[in-house]
Amino acid sequence: MILSFRTIVLFAAVMFLAGGPALGQNSTDDEQPFLVVLGIAQDGGVPQAGTKKHLGWSDAAQRRKVVCLGLVDPTSRQRWMFEATPDFREQLHLLDELAPVAGKPGLSGIFVSHAHIGHYTGLMFLGHESLGATRVPVFALPRMTEYLRSNGPWSQLVRYGNIALRNLENNRIERLTDALSVRPFLVPHRQEFSEVAGFVIQGPNQAVLFIPDIDSWETWDDWGSRIEGMLAEVDVAYLDATFFANGEIPGRDMSGFPHPFISHSMKRFDTLPQAERGKIRFIHLNHTNPALWPDSDARREIVKQGFRVAEELERVKL
């Protein structure tokens, strides 16, 4: 049998990052829940629409999917996704290859952080024009839930029974299984249509923090929450890293952009012990962000200071 290059690369990546076989094969380690990164890009993906001269148009290795995490529990054979992105089709397929289960879409739920295009528009693929799903639970905070219920075409997904909305509450733990839970919490970010959530995903042995979008760490300080306190409570933290530094977009003053620059985050965290800095994996990178690329000066600086950039298909055992 001749395997495609993409299949070989995917299999090698899975074996390397997982340290073993995929869900459903014999391995003690496979009984442990895990998170898998299914996308690391900002809402527009990489390359973005209208970007005419980007290697990604001709080279798949230069593309990056929109920010998304998959959560897998091999024991109960359940899977969840965090964010429903424009790349939902490919990300669900990746999840099917990494952790196959019966049925379509084989999801026990989707957690949606807010109403910006990279985080909820993938729900459209659950509709009758595409997958025709039945009552897939969609977990969101109250304003986000009401937005989906009251605005088309999302309201049609509710009316046709493709999705079943599940209200989350700020800081209330949502228990998924005996071993897995999710705690949503409010973060400051542009709230045109909904509030914005971050998540703590708790497993039997480890916890992961997921904040793909936030205006600034200092604004959150004013809300009475400090990112350093959250870091102390988790083992891995995926944090908003949309832009590397001011000047990244030619001809624009980016100082007012509602995201913490990676350069600023590294400066804020530079007094943390190495163990704390080592928890941080930057995610939600804009197509202009040089830290996307392993051979960039920006990436080298991040690694030198003890941080990491999230990579598609990396796993975190919970």
Protein backbone atom coordinates (compact mmCIF):
# COMPACT_ATOMS: atom_id res chain seq x y z
CA MET A 1 0.00 0.00 0.00
CA ILE A 2 1.37 3.43 -0.94
CA LEU A 3 0.76 6.11 1.71
CA SER A 4 0.45 9.79 0.87
CA PHE A 5 3.14 12.14 2.13
CA ARG A 6 0.56 13.89 4.35
CA THR A 7 -0.49 10.58 5.93
CA ILE A 8 3.13 9.65 6.70
CA VAL A 9 3.83 13.07 8.23
CA LEU A 10 0.64 13.00 10.30
CA PHE A 11 1.37 9.49 11.58
CA ALA A 12 4.96 10.43 12.48
CA ALA A 13 3.78 13.57 14.27
CA VAL A 14 1.15 11.67 16.22
CA MET A 15 3.61 8.98 17.32
CA PHE A 16 6.24 11.56 18.27
CA LEU A 17 3.91 13.89 20.16
CA ALA A 18 1.81 11.22 21.77
CA GLY A 19 4.61 8.87 22.61
CA GLY A 20 2.40 5.96 21.58
CA PRO A 21 -0.55 4.73 19.50
CA ALA A 22 -3.84 6.55 18.99
CA LEU A 23 -7.12 6.00 20.81
CA GLY A 24 -8.47 2.50 20.51
CA GLN A 25 -5.11 0.70 20.37
CA ASN A 26 -3.56 -1.23 23.24
CA SER A 27 -1.52 0.97 25.54
CA THR A 28 -1.85 1.83 29.20
CA ASP A 29 -0.93 5.44 28.47
CA ASP A 30 -3.87 5.63 26.08
CA GLU A 31 -6.28 5.47 29.01
CA GLN A 32 -5.13 8.91 30.14
CA PRO A 33 -7.17 11.92 28.94
CA PHE A 34 -5.28 14.39 26.79
CA LEU A 35 -5.56 17.71 24.98
CA VAL A 36 -4.37 18.04 21.39
CA VAL A 37 -3.74 21.34 19.61
CA LEU A 38 -5.76 21.46 16.38
CA GLY A 39 -4.94 25.04 15.39
CA ILE A 40 -2.75 27.93 16.51
CA ALA A 41 -3.62 30.84 14.19
CA GLN A 42 -5.64 34.00 14.76
CA ASP A 43 -9.22 34.00 13.42
CA GLY A 44 -8.24 34.59 9.79
CA GLY A 45 -5.88 31.61 9.60
CA VAL A 46 -2.53 31.47 7.80
CA PRO A 47 -2.40 32.60 5.07
CA GLN A 48 -5.26 35.06 5.42
CA ALA A 49 -7.72 35.99 2.69
CA GLY A 50 -6.28 38.61 0.36
CA THR A 51 -2.65 37.77 1.17
CA LYS A 52 -1.38 37.36 -2.36
CA LYS A 53 2.27 36.37 -1.88
CA HIS A 54 2.39 33.78 0.86
CA LEU A 55 4.15 30.42 0.63
CA GLY A 56 1.12 28.80 2.22
CA TRP A 57 -0.87 29.03 -1.01
CA SER A 58 1.50 26.57 -2.67
CA ASP A 59 3.06 24.78 0.34
CA ALA A 60 0.76 23.13 2.89
CA ALA A 61 3.58 23.11 5.45
CA GLN A 62 3.37 26.92 5.58
CA ARG A 63 -0.34 26.95 6.52
CA ARG A 64 -1.73 27.16 10.04
CA LYS A 65 -5.30 26.43 11.12
CA VAL A 66 -7.34 28.69 13.40
CA VAL A 67 -6.96 28.29 17.16
CA CYS A 68 -8.63 25.15 18.51
CA LEU A 69 -8.03 22.47 21.13
CA GLY A 70 -9.37 18.93 21.14
CA LEU A 71 -10.03 17.11 24.42
CA VAL A 72 -10.08 13.31 24.39
CA ASP A 73 -11.04 10.84 27.12
CA PRO A 74 -10.07 7.35 25.93
CA THR A 75 -11.77 5.62 28.89
CA SER A 76 -15.26 6.95 28.16
CA ARG A 77 -14.50 7.30 24.43
CA GLN A 78 -15.64 10.91 24.47
CA ARG A 79 -14.24 13.96 22.68
CA TRP A 80 -14.79 17.70 22.97
CA MET A 81 -13.57 20.70 21.01
CA PHE A 82 -12.67 24.15 22.31
CA GLU A 83 -13.74 26.64 19.63
CA ALA A 84 -15.64 25.97 16.41
CA THR A 85 -13.41 27.58 13.80
CA PRO A 86 -13.63 28.18 10.05
CA ASP A 87 -11.27 25.17 9.82
CA PHE A 88 -13.78 22.92 11.63
CA ARG A 89 -13.92 20.33 8.82
CA GLU A 90 -10.18 19.68 8.84
CA GLN A 91 -9.92 19.84 12.62
CA LEU A 92 -12.71 17.32 13.12
CA HIS A 93 -11.00 15.08 10.56
CA LEU A 94 -7.70 15.36 12.44
CA LEU A 95 -9.50 14.43 15.64
CA ASP A 96 -11.05 11.44 13.84
CA GLU A 97 -7.59 10.29 12.76
CA LEU A 98 -6.02 10.82 16.19
CA ALA A 99 -8.87 9.46 18.31
CA PRO A 100 -11.54 7.72 16.22
CA VAL A 101 -14.98 7.06 17.70
CA ALA A 102 -18.25 5.84 16.25
CA GLY A 103 -20.90 8.22 14.92
CA LYS A 104 -20.93 11.69 13.38
CA PRO A 105 -19.57 14.06 14.52
CA GLY A 106 -18.66 11.98 17.58
CA LEU A 107 -18.43 15.05 19.81
CA SER A 108 -19.72 15.22 23.37
CA GLY A 109 -19.61 18.98 23.17
CA ILE A 110 -18.04 22.16 21.82
CA PHE A 111 -16.93 24.97 24.12
CA VAL A 112 -17.14 28.43 22.52
CA SER A 113 -15.28 31.36 24.05
CA HIS A 114 -16.91 34.28 22.24
CA ALA A 115 -18.57 35.70 19.13
CA HIS A 116 -15.58 36.54 16.92
CA ILE A 117 -15.38 34.73 13.62
CA GLY A 118 -12.54 32.36 14.42
CA HIS A 119 -14.26 30.95 17.48
CA TYR A 120 -17.85 30.06 16.57
CA THR A 121 -18.50 30.18 12.81
CA GLY A 122 -17.46 26.54 12.39
CA LEU A 123 -20.78 25.62 13.98
CA MET A 124 -22.24 26.08 10.49
CA PHE A 125 -20.83 22.68 9.48
CA LEU A 126 -23.19 21.01 11.97
CA GLY A 127 -26.20 22.29 10.00
CA HIS A 128 -28.42 20.46 7.54
CA GLU A 129 -26.48 21.85 4.55
CA SER A 130 -23.45 19.91 5.78
CA LEU A 131 -23.16 17.35 8.58
CA GLY A 132 -26.78 17.43 9.73
CA ALA A 133 -25.76 16.75 13.32
CA THR A 134 -28.19 15.92 16.10
CA ARG A 135 -28.13 17.97 19.31
CA VAL A 136 -24.39 18.46 19.67
CA PRO A 137 -23.97 20.26 23.03
CA VAL A 138 -22.54 23.77 22.62
CA PHE A 139 -21.27 25.23 25.89
CA ALA A 140 -21.03 29.02 26.23
CA LEU A 141 -21.54 31.86 28.68
CA PRO A 142 -25.03 33.47 28.76
CA ARG A 143 -24.61 36.31 26.23
CA MET A 144 -22.92 33.98 23.75
CA THR A 145 -25.68 31.41 24.20
CA GLU A 146 -28.37 34.04 23.64
CA TYR A 147 -26.54 35.34 20.57
CA LEU A 148 -26.63 31.87 18.99
CA ARG A 149 -30.27 31.36 19.95
CA SER A 150 -31.47 34.72 18.63
CA ASN A 151 -29.46 35.36 15.45
CA GLY A 152 -29.57 33.54 12.15
CA PRO A 153 -28.17 31.40 10.75
CA TRP A 154 -27.13 30.06 14.17
CA SER A 155 -30.70 30.11 15.46
CA GLN A 156 -31.58 27.62 12.72
CA LEU A 157 -29.08 25.16 14.19
CA VAL A 158 -31.01 25.42 17.45
CA ARG A 159 -34.43 25.22 15.80
CA TYR A 160 -33.49 22.19 13.68
CA GLY A 161 -31.93 20.46 16.66
CA ASN A 162 -28.42 20.36 15.18
CA ILE A 163 -27.01 21.86 18.38
CA ALA A 164 -28.22 21.95 21.99
CA LEU A 165 -27.16 25.08 23.86
CA ARG A 166 -25.70 24.61 27.34
CA ASN A 167 -25.32 27.66 29.58
CA LEU A 168 -22.04 28.08 31.40
CA GLU A 169 -21.62 30.35 34.40
CA ASN A 170 -18.59 32.42 35.26
CA ASN A 171 -16.28 30.36 37.53
CA ARG A 172 -18.75 27.49 37.87
CA ILE A 173 -17.17 24.11 37.21
CA GLU A 174 -18.72 22.06 34.40
CA ARG A 175 -18.05 18.40 35.08
CA LEU A 176 -17.60 16.32 31.93
CA THR A 177 -16.65 12.96 33.47
CA ASP A 178 -15.47 11.75 36.87
CA ALA A 179 -11.94 12.71 35.79
CA LEU A 180 -12.49 15.80 33.61
CA SER A 181 -13.95 19.23 34.24
CA VAL A 182 -13.94 22.70 32.71
CA ARG A 183 -14.11 26.02 34.53
CA PRO A 184 -15.00 29.05 32.39
CA PHE A 185 -14.09 32.55 33.52
CA LEU A 186 -14.59 36.05 32.13
CA VAL A 187 -11.75 37.96 30.49
CA PRO A 188 -11.71 41.51 29.08
CA HIS A 189 -11.83 41.57 25.29
CA ARG A 190 -13.95 43.25 22.60
CA GLN A 191 -17.53 42.34 23.50
CA GLU A 192 -19.59 43.51 20.51
CA PHE A 193 -21.91 40.48 20.56
CA SER A 194 -20.97 38.41 23.61
CA GLU A 195 -18.84 38.23 26.69
CA VAL A 196 -15.43 36.51 26.33
CA ALA A 197 -14.39 33.38 28.20
CA GLY A 198 -11.16 31.67 29.08
CA PHE A 199 -11.11 28.09 30.33
CA VAL A 200 -9.30 25.94 32.87
CA ILE A 201 -9.42 22.33 31.70
CA GLN A 202 -8.81 19.98 34.62
CA GLY A 203 -7.80 16.35 34.26
CA PRO A 204 -6.96 13.69 36.85
CA ASN A 205 -3.30 14.74 37.00
CA GLN A 206 -2.85 18.07 35.22
CA ALA A 207 -4.71 21.30 34.41
CA VAL A 208 -4.48 23.49 31.31
CA LEU A 209 -5.27 27.21 31.00
CA PHE A 210 -6.69 28.43 27.68
CA ILE A 211 -6.98 32.17 26.99
CA PRO A 212 -6.94 32.67 23.20
CA ASP A 213 -8.11 36.32 23.36
CA ILE A 214 -7.67 39.05 25.96
CA ASP A 215 -7.26 42.84 25.72
CA SER A 216 -4.31 43.03 28.12
CA TRP A 217 -3.02 41.46 31.32
CA GLU A 218 -3.21 44.90 32.98
CA THR A 219 -6.92 45.32 32.17
CA TRP A 220 -7.50 41.93 33.75
CA ASP A 221 -5.57 43.13 36.81
CA ASP A 222 -8.17 45.91 37.09
CA TRP A 223 -10.89 43.25 37.03
CA GLY A 224 -9.31 41.66 40.10
CA SER A 225 -7.67 38.70 38.35
CA ARG A 226 -3.95 38.26 37.78
CA ILE A 227 -2.54 35.98 35.12
CA GLU A 228 0.33 35.02 37.44
CA GLY A 229 -2.16 33.59 39.94
CA MET A 230 -3.81 31.54 37.21
CA LEU A 231 -0.43 30.23 36.05
CA ALA A 232 0.32 28.99 39.55
CA GLU A 233 -2.83 26.83 39.46
CA VAL A 234 -2.14 25.01 36.16
CA ASP A 235 0.54 22.90 34.48
CA VAL A 236 0.30 24.31 30.93
CA ALA A 237 -1.05 27.67 29.73
CA TYR A 238 -2.07 28.50 26.15
CA LEU A 239 -2.10 32.31 26.04
CA ASP A 240 -3.08 34.99 23.52
CA ALA A 241 -0.08 35.83 21.34
CA THR A 242 -1.77 37.46 18.36
CA PHE A 243 1.09 39.87 17.63
CA PHE A 244 4.77 39.76 18.48
CA ALA A 245 5.45 43.50 18.78
CA ASN A 246 4.39 46.97 17.65
CA GLY A 247 5.50 47.67 14.08
CA GLU A 248 4.64 44.19 12.89
CA ILE A 249 1.98 45.58 10.53
CA PRO A 250 3.69 48.20 8.31
CA GLY A 251 2.29 51.72 8.50
CA ARG A 252 0.06 51.14 11.53
CA ASP A 253 0.42 52.18 15.15
CA MET A 254 -0.50 48.96 16.93
CA SER A 255 -0.20 50.27 20.48
CA GLY A 256 -3.97 50.31 20.92
CA PHE A 257 -4.59 46.82 19.53
CA PRO A 258 -6.64 44.76 22.02
CA HIS A 259 -4.13 41.95 22.50
CA PRO A 260 -0.96 41.62 24.62
CA PHE A 261 2.11 41.57 22.38
CA ILE A 262 4.35 38.56 22.96
CA SER A 263 7.19 40.98 23.65
CA HIS A 264 5.12 42.61 26.40
CA SER A 265 4.03 39.27 27.88
CA MET A 266 7.64 38.08 28.03
CA LYS A 267 8.64 41.28 29.79
CA ARG A 268 5.80 40.93 32.30
CA PHE A 269 6.68 37.31 33.01
CA ASP A 270 10.47 37.67 33.05
CA THR A 271 10.66 37.64 36.87
CA LEU A 272 8.74 34.38 37.13
CA PRO A 273 10.74 31.23 37.96
CA GLN A 274 11.74 29.14 34.96
CA ALA A 275 9.21 26.47 35.95
CA GLU A 276 6.38 29.01 35.63
CA ARG A 277 7.63 30.49 32.36
CA GLY A 278 7.99 26.98 30.98
CA LYS A 279 4.24 26.46 31.34
CA ILE A 280 3.44 29.14 28.76
CA ARG A 281 2.74 28.20 25.15
CA PHE A 282 1.81 31.17 22.97
CA ILE A 283 -1.20 30.63 20.69
CA HIS A 284 -3.65 32.55 18.43
CA LEU A 285 -0.89 34.01 16.23
CA ASN A 286 -1.77 36.46 13.45
CA HIS A 287 -0.48 35.70 9.95
CA THR A 288 1.97 38.63 10.33
CA ASN A 289 3.49 37.24 13.55
CA PRO A 290 7.10 36.15 12.91
CA ALA A 291 6.92 33.78 15.89
CA LEU A 292 4.86 31.42 13.71
CA TRP A 293 8.06 30.22 12.08
CA PRO A 294 10.65 28.09 13.95
CA ASP A 295 13.65 29.67 12.20
CA SER A 296 12.66 33.29 13.01
CA ASP A 297 14.50 35.62 15.39
CA ALA A 298 11.21 36.07 17.24
CA ARG A 299 10.89 32.33 17.90
CA ARG A 300 14.51 32.10 19.01
CA GLU A 301 13.96 34.95 21.47
CA ILE A 302 10.85 33.25 22.89
CA VAL A 303 12.70 29.99 23.44
CA LYS A 304 15.74 31.77 24.86
CA GLN A 305 13.54 33.37 27.52
CA GLY A 306 12.07 30.02 28.52
CA PHE A 307 8.68 30.14 26.75
CA ARG A 308 7.20 28.12 23.88
CA VAL A 309 4.96 28.59 20.87
CA ALA A 310 2.13 26.09 20.54
CA GLU A 311 2.46 23.65 17.64
CA GLU A 312 -0.35 21.93 15.79
CA LEU A 313 -0.80 18.29 16.90
CA GLU A 314 1.10 18.69 20.16
CA ARG A 315 -0.48 16.82 23.07
CA VAL A 316 -0.79 17.50 26.78
CA LYS A 317 -1.61 14.51 28.97
CA LEU A 318 -4.10 15.39 31.67
